[in-house]
Amino acid sequence: MIENFFADYKNYIVVPEDEKQAGNEVFDPKNYEAYYILTLSIFDSRLTTWKDASKFEIDVEKSIKMVLSDFNQRQRKKYHLQLLEFDRYKNYFILALSAKTKFNPGEEKDRITYVIDNILTNPFYVGQGWFNLIGEKGKVARKLFCCSFKEYDVEDRNHSKREEKYENVSEFIPKNGEMKLIKSL
């Protein structure tokens, strides 16, 4: 075989499609049908607050951001996760889960549990070393998170703001229908 046989290999490089799209895609809520607010805490935790994770040489906030970035890159056709709240002095963090398709009524718990236990747990458990944060009961069950969730309903939120706006306006209109000028300072 000739040493220079692959000398022009650069002409044949094709960048995988996933790599191109992953860096350019920005979260747009209009592209999703369902939204859930998830509260995650460690199952059988050895920690009282997240700052205690430094004993195990784990930077929790950095770990969360790395795993979520990887999750969003891999699951962009189905789901998107966003960190909403993280406080080093608490023992939980809050995520927003957006799904491309709406979950069937009664199916939400199973679908969210699947996302947490089967897709999200392993990168934390093995990849970030979070197995050190759980006790024996959690290791035997191979369960990392306790999760609670509530659907984030955009229509209700917008509707309540409109009602609130009209309620405030009606307070300024006297019952006799007479309008008065209010002097502002």
C-alpha atoms as a PDB file:
ATOM      1  CA  MET A   1       0.000   0.000   0.000  1.00  0.00           C
ATOM      2  CA  ILE A   2       1.248   3.464  -0.845  1.00  0.00           C
ATOM      3  CA  GLU A   3       1.746   5.871   2.085  1.00  0.00           C
ATOM      4  CA  ASN A   4       0.093   8.810   0.299  1.00  0.00           C
ATOM      5  CA  PHE A   5      -2.958   6.821  -0.772  1.00  0.00           C
ATOM      6  CA  PHE A   6      -5.284   8.820   1.559  1.00  0.00           C
ATOM      7  CA  ALA A   7      -3.552  12.160   0.986  1.00  0.00           C
ATOM      8  CA  ASP A   8      -6.757  13.807  -0.294  1.00  0.00           C
ATOM      9  CA  TYR A   9      -9.014  12.502   2.540  1.00  0.00           C
ATOM     10  CA  LYS A  10     -10.128  16.041   3.441  1.00  0.00           C
ATOM     11  CA  ASN A  11     -12.204  16.164   0.262  1.00  0.00           C
ATOM     12  CA  TYR A  12     -14.288  13.251   1.602  1.00  0.00           C
ATOM     13  CA  ILE A  13     -15.092  14.569   5.085  1.00  0.00           C
ATOM     14  CA  VAL A  14     -18.816  14.821   5.729  1.00  0.00           C
ATOM     15  CA  VAL A  15     -19.787  16.315   9.077  1.00  0.00           C
ATOM     16  CA  PRO A  16     -22.658  14.337  10.658  1.00  0.00           C
ATOM     17  CA  GLU A  17     -25.997  16.147  10.477  1.00  0.00           C
ATOM     18  CA  ASP A  18     -26.540  15.977  14.254  1.00  0.00           C
ATOM     19  CA  GLU A  19     -23.404  17.987  14.956  1.00  0.00           C
ATOM     20  CA  LYS A  20     -24.480  20.834  12.671  1.00  0.00           C
ATOM     21  CA  GLN A  21     -27.962  21.208  14.135  1.00  0.00           C
ATOM     22  CA  ALA A  22     -27.058  20.753  17.794  1.00  0.00           C
ATOM     23  CA  GLY A  23     -25.143  24.011  18.087  1.00  0.00           C
ATOM     24  CA  ASN A  24     -27.649  26.100  16.140  1.00  0.00           C
ATOM     25  CA  GLU A  25     -30.912  25.029  17.739  1.00  0.00           C
ATOM     26  CA  VAL A  26     -32.346  27.406  20.325  1.00  0.00           C
ATOM     27  CA  PHE A  27     -35.249  26.529  22.625  1.00  0.00           C
ATOM     28  CA  ASP A  28     -38.489  27.943  21.256  1.00  0.00           C
ATOM     29  CA  PRO A  29     -41.588  27.210  23.373  1.00  0.00           C
ATOM     30  CA  LYS A  30     -43.804  27.414  20.273  1.00  0.00           C
ATOM     31  CA  ASN A  31     -42.259  24.131  19.056  1.00  0.00           C
ATOM     32  CA  TYR A  32     -43.568  22.194  22.070  1.00  0.00           C
ATOM     33  CA  GLU A  33     -47.066  21.046  23.009  1.00  0.00           C
ATOM     34  CA  ALA A  34     -46.763  20.230  26.739  1.00  0.00           C
ATOM     35  CA  TYR A  35     -44.831  21.781  29.617  1.00  0.00           C
ATOM     36  CA  TYR A  36     -44.199  20.406  33.099  1.00  0.00           C
ATOM     37  CA  ILE A  37     -42.434  21.784  36.156  1.00  0.00           C
ATOM     38  CA  LEU A  38     -40.399  19.030  37.823  1.00  0.00           C
ATOM     39  CA  THR A  39     -38.959  19.099  41.323  1.00  0.00           C
ATOM     40  CA  LEU A  40     -36.110  16.624  41.758  1.00  0.00           C
ATOM     41  CA  SER A  41     -34.405  15.570  44.954  1.00  0.00           C
ATOM     42  CA  ILE A  42     -32.020  12.719  45.708  1.00  0.00           C
ATOM     43  CA  PHE A  43     -33.635   9.404  46.699  1.00  0.00           C
ATOM     44  CA  ASP A  44     -32.157   8.037  49.950  1.00  0.00           C
ATOM     45  CA  SER A  45     -29.876  11.076  50.056  1.00  0.00           C
ATOM     46  CA  ARG A  46     -26.661  11.291  52.042  1.00  0.00           C
ATOM     47  CA  LEU A  47     -26.838  15.113  51.755  1.00  0.00           C
ATOM     48  CA  THR A  48     -28.768  17.708  53.713  1.00  0.00           C
ATOM     49  CA  THR A  49     -28.056  20.461  51.161  1.00  0.00           C
ATOM     50  CA  TRP A  50     -26.321  20.564  47.768  1.00  0.00           C
ATOM     51  CA  LYS A  51     -23.236  22.249  49.221  1.00  0.00           C
ATOM     52  CA  ASP A  52     -22.509  18.965  51.069  1.00  0.00           C
ATOM     53  CA  ALA A  53     -21.775  17.348  47.679  1.00  0.00           C
ATOM     54  CA  SER A  54     -18.344  18.970  47.733  1.00  0.00           C
ATOM     55  CA  LYS A  55     -17.347  16.252  50.268  1.00  0.00           C
ATOM     56  CA  PHE A  56     -17.724  13.799  47.384  1.00  0.00           C
ATOM     57  CA  GLU A  57     -15.878  16.096  44.954  1.00  0.00           C
ATOM     58  CA  ILE A  58     -19.024  16.795  42.942  1.00  0.00           C
ATOM     59  CA  ASP A  59     -19.909  20.237  41.607  1.00  0.00           C
ATOM     60  CA  VAL A  60     -23.675  19.756  41.462  1.00  0.00           C
ATOM     61  CA  GLU A  61     -24.556  22.850  39.447  1.00  0.00           C
ATOM     62  CA  LYS A  62     -21.903  22.117  36.829  1.00  0.00           C
ATOM     63  CA  SER A  63     -23.046  18.468  36.642  1.00  0.00           C
ATOM     64  CA  ILE A  64     -26.660  19.479  36.129  1.00  0.00           C
ATOM     65  CA  LYS A  65     -25.773  21.902  33.343  1.00  0.00           C
ATOM     66  CA  MET A  66     -23.578  19.315  31.564  1.00  0.00           C
ATOM     67  CA  VAL A  67     -26.214  16.573  31.736  1.00  0.00           C
ATOM     68  CA  LEU A  68     -29.028  18.903  30.617  1.00  0.00           C
ATOM     69  CA  SER A  69     -26.963  20.143  27.685  1.00  0.00           C
ATOM     70  CA  ASP A  70     -26.278  16.565  26.584  1.00  0.00           C
ATOM     71  CA  PHE A  71     -29.926  15.575  27.158  1.00  0.00           C
ATOM     72  CA  ASN A  72     -31.209  18.481  25.061  1.00  0.00           C
ATOM     73  CA  GLN A  73     -28.805  17.640  22.260  1.00  0.00           C
ATOM     74  CA  ARG A  74     -29.826  13.967  22.169  1.00  0.00           C
ATOM     75  CA  GLN A  75     -33.554  14.385  22.831  1.00  0.00           C
ATOM     76  CA  ARG A  76     -34.231  17.554  20.806  1.00  0.00           C
ATOM     77  CA  LYS A  77     -36.817  15.791  18.642  1.00  0.00           C
ATOM     78  CA  LYS A  78     -38.903  14.804  21.689  1.00  0.00           C
ATOM     79  CA  TYR A  79     -38.042  16.759  24.843  1.00  0.00           C
ATOM     80  CA  HIS A  80     -36.245  19.782  26.249  1.00  0.00           C
ATOM     81  CA  LEU A  81     -35.126  20.291  29.863  1.00  0.00           C
ATOM     82  CA  GLN A  82     -34.269  23.638  31.385  1.00  0.00           C
ATOM     83  CA  LEU A  83     -32.928  24.385  34.868  1.00  0.00           C
ATOM     84  CA  LEU A  84     -35.272  26.869  36.542  1.00  0.00           C
ATOM     85  CA  GLU A  85     -34.009  26.914  40.108  1.00  0.00           C
ATOM     86  CA  PHE A  86     -30.917  25.680  41.906  1.00  0.00           C
ATOM     87  CA  ASP A  87     -29.907  26.765  45.391  1.00  0.00           C
ATOM     88  CA  ARG A  88     -26.827  25.315  47.096  1.00  0.00           C
ATOM     89  CA  TYR A  89     -28.604  25.571  50.463  1.00  0.00           C
ATOM     90  CA  LYS A  90     -31.577  23.404  49.460  1.00  0.00           C
ATOM     91  CA  ASN A  91     -31.783  19.684  48.747  1.00  0.00           C
ATOM     92  CA  TYR A  92     -33.755  19.841  45.478  1.00  0.00           C
ATOM     93  CA  PHE A  93     -33.664  21.571  42.110  1.00  0.00           C
ATOM     94  CA  ILE A  94     -36.412  22.549  39.693  1.00  0.00           C
ATOM     95  CA  LEU A  95     -36.537  21.761  35.974  1.00  0.00           C
ATOM     96  CA  ALA A  96     -38.921  22.612  33.162  1.00  0.00           C
ATOM     97  CA  LEU A  97     -39.712  19.686  30.862  1.00  0.00           C
ATOM     98  CA  SER A  98     -41.108  20.562  27.437  1.00  0.00           C
ATOM     99  CA  ALA A  99     -42.463  17.800  25.212  1.00  0.00           C
ATOM    100  CA  LYS A 100     -43.025  17.983  21.452  1.00  0.00           C
ATOM    101  CA  THR A 101     -46.257  15.991  21.770  1.00  0.00           C
ATOM    102  CA  LYS A 102     -48.959  16.346  24.379  1.00  0.00           C
ATOM    103  CA  PHE A 103     -49.207  13.421  26.807  1.00  0.00           C
ATOM    104  CA  ASN A 104     -52.512  11.572  26.945  1.00  0.00           C
ATOM    105  CA  PRO A 105     -54.522  12.252  30.131  1.00  0.00           C
ATOM    106  CA  GLY A 106     -53.504   9.783  32.841  1.00  0.00           C
ATOM    107  CA  GLU A 107     -50.280   8.954  31.005  1.00  0.00           C
ATOM    108  CA  GLU A 108     -48.245  11.917  32.298  1.00  0.00           C
ATOM    109  CA  LYS A 109     -46.828  10.143  35.348  1.00  0.00           C
ATOM    110  CA  ASP A 110     -45.593   7.152  33.334  1.00  0.00           C
ATOM    111  CA  ARG A 111     -44.026   9.309  30.614  1.00  0.00           C
ATOM    112  CA  ILE A 112     -42.289  11.665  33.030  1.00  0.00           C
ATOM    113  CA  THR A 113     -41.088   8.754  35.163  1.00  0.00           C
ATOM    114  CA  TYR A 114     -39.685   7.144  32.022  1.00  0.00           C
ATOM    115  CA  VAL A 115     -37.797  10.327  31.097  1.00  0.00           C
ATOM    116  CA  ILE A 116     -36.364  10.728  34.602  1.00  0.00           C
ATOM    117  CA  ASP A 117     -35.566   7.077  35.421  1.00  0.00           C
ATOM    118  CA  ASN A 118     -34.507   5.784  31.996  1.00  0.00           C
ATOM    119  CA  ILE A 119     -33.050   8.742  30.127  1.00  0.00           C
ATOM    120  CA  LEU A 120     -31.861  11.266  32.723  1.00  0.00           C
ATOM    121  CA  THR A 121     -30.707   9.143  35.670  1.00  0.00           C
ATOM    122  CA  ASN A 122     -27.841   7.226  34.058  1.00  0.00           C
ATOM    123  CA  PRO A 123     -25.807  10.295  32.971  1.00  0.00           C
ATOM    124  CA  PHE A 124     -26.030  11.609  36.545  1.00  0.00           C
ATOM    125  CA  TYR A 125     -25.557   8.238  38.261  1.00  0.00           C
ATOM    126  CA  VAL A 126     -22.555   6.991  36.309  1.00  0.00           C
ATOM    127  CA  GLY A 127     -21.355   9.914  34.193  1.00  0.00           C
ATOM    128  CA  GLN A 128     -21.252  12.484  36.997  1.00  0.00           C
ATOM    129  CA  GLY A 129     -20.614  10.099  39.912  1.00  0.00           C
ATOM    130  CA  TRP A 130     -23.869  10.897  41.714  1.00  0.00           C
ATOM    131  CA  PHE A 131     -24.068   7.295  42.960  1.00  0.00           C
ATOM    132  CA  ASN A 132     -21.931   8.613  45.842  1.00  0.00           C
ATOM    133  CA  LEU A 133     -24.798  10.882  46.920  1.00  0.00           C
ATOM    134  CA  ILE A 134     -27.262   8.065  47.676  1.00  0.00           C
ATOM    135  CA  GLY A 135     -27.354   5.511  50.476  1.00  0.00           C
ATOM    136  CA  GLU A 136     -27.496   1.721  50.257  1.00  0.00           C
ATOM    137  CA  LYS A 137     -31.264   1.659  49.753  1.00  0.00           C
ATOM    138  CA  GLY A 138     -30.895   3.851  46.660  1.00  0.00           C
ATOM    139  CA  LYS A 139     -27.976   1.831  45.304  1.00  0.00           C
ATOM    140  CA  VAL A 140     -29.872  -1.452  45.632  1.00  0.00           C
ATOM    141  CA  ALA A 141     -32.930   0.032  43.900  1.00  0.00           C
ATOM    142  CA  ARG A 142     -30.621   1.887  41.462  1.00  0.00           C
ATOM    143  CA  LYS A 143     -32.903   4.856  41.924  1.00  0.00           C
ATOM    144  CA  LEU A 144     -31.376   8.320  42.017  1.00  0.00           C
ATOM    145  CA  PHE A 145     -34.242  10.815  42.013  1.00  0.00           C
ATOM    146  CA  CYS A 146     -37.527  11.452  43.751  1.00  0.00           C
ATOM    147  CA  CYS A 147     -39.631  13.507  41.393  1.00  0.00           C
ATOM    148  CA  SER A 148     -42.824  15.490  41.676  1.00  0.00           C
ATOM    149  CA  PHE A 149     -44.366  17.406  38.796  1.00  0.00           C
ATOM    150  CA  LYS A 150     -47.180  19.676  37.789  1.00  0.00           C
ATOM    151  CA  GLU A 151     -48.331  20.636  34.312  1.00  0.00           C
ATOM    152  CA  TYR A 152     -47.522  24.203  33.357  1.00  0.00           C
ATOM    153  CA  ASP A 153     -50.622  25.428  31.564  1.00  0.00           C
ATOM    154  CA  VAL A 154     -49.853  28.506  29.494  1.00  0.00           C
ATOM    155  CA  GLU A 155     -53.516  29.245  28.694  1.00  0.00           C
ATOM    156  CA  ASP A 156     -54.507  29.468  32.361  1.00  0.00           C
ATOM    157  CA  ARG A 157     -51.571  31.742  33.108  1.00  0.00           C
ATOM    158  CA  ASN A 158     -52.471  34.175  30.300  1.00  0.00           C
ATOM    159  CA  HIS A 159     -56.166  34.059  31.203  1.00  0.00           C
ATOM    160  CA  SER A 160     -55.544  34.894  34.868  1.00  0.00           C
ATOM    161  CA  LYS A 161     -53.398  37.879  33.893  1.00  0.00           C
ATOM    162  CA  ARG A 162     -56.219  39.238  31.740  1.00  0.00           C
ATOM    163  CA  GLU A 163     -58.747  38.843  34.539  1.00  0.00           C
ATOM    164  CA  GLU A 164     -56.386  40.515  36.970  1.00  0.00           C
ATOM    165  CA  LYS A 165     -55.886  43.423  34.578  1.00  0.00           C
ATOM    166  CA  TYR A 166     -59.642  44.023  34.252  1.00  0.00           C
ATOM    167  CA  GLU A 167     -60.201  43.695  37.983  1.00  0.00           C
ATOM    168  CA  ASN A 168     -57.635  46.405  38.616  1.00  0.00           C
ATOM    169  CA  VAL A 169     -59.235  48.754  36.088  1.00  0.00           C
ATOM    170  CA  SER A 170     -62.697  48.293  37.598  1.00  0.00           C
ATOM    171  CA  GLU A 171     -61.389  49.387  40.979  1.00  0.00           C
ATOM    172  CA  PHE A 172     -60.596  52.838  39.586  1.00  0.00           C
ATOM    173  CA  ILE A 173     -64.047  53.408  38.037  1.00  0.00           C
ATOM    174  CA  PRO A 174     -66.497  54.736  40.642  1.00  0.00           C
ATOM    175  CA  LYS A 175     -69.885  53.051  40.914  1.00  0.00           C
ATOM    176  CA  ASN A 176     -71.740  56.228  39.913  1.00  0.00           C
ATOM    177  CA  GLY A 177     -69.891  56.175  36.556  1.00  0.00           C
ATOM    178  CA  GLU A 178     -68.137  59.486  37.167  1.00  0.00           C
ATOM    179  CA  MET A 179     -64.446  59.549  36.145  1.00  0.00           C
ATOM    180  CA  LYS A 180     -61.925  61.600  38.127  1.00  0.00           C
ATOM    181  CA  LEU A 181     -58.411  62.625  37.238  1.00  0.00           C
ATOM    182  CA  ILE A 182     -55.768  61.311  39.532  1.00  0.00           C
ATOM    183  CA  LYS A 183     -52.759  63.573  40.006  1.00  0.00           C
ATOM    184  CA  SER A 184     -49.419  61.751  39.805  1.00  0.00           C
ATOM    185  CA  LEU A 185     -46.293  63.074  41.448  1.00  0.00           C
END
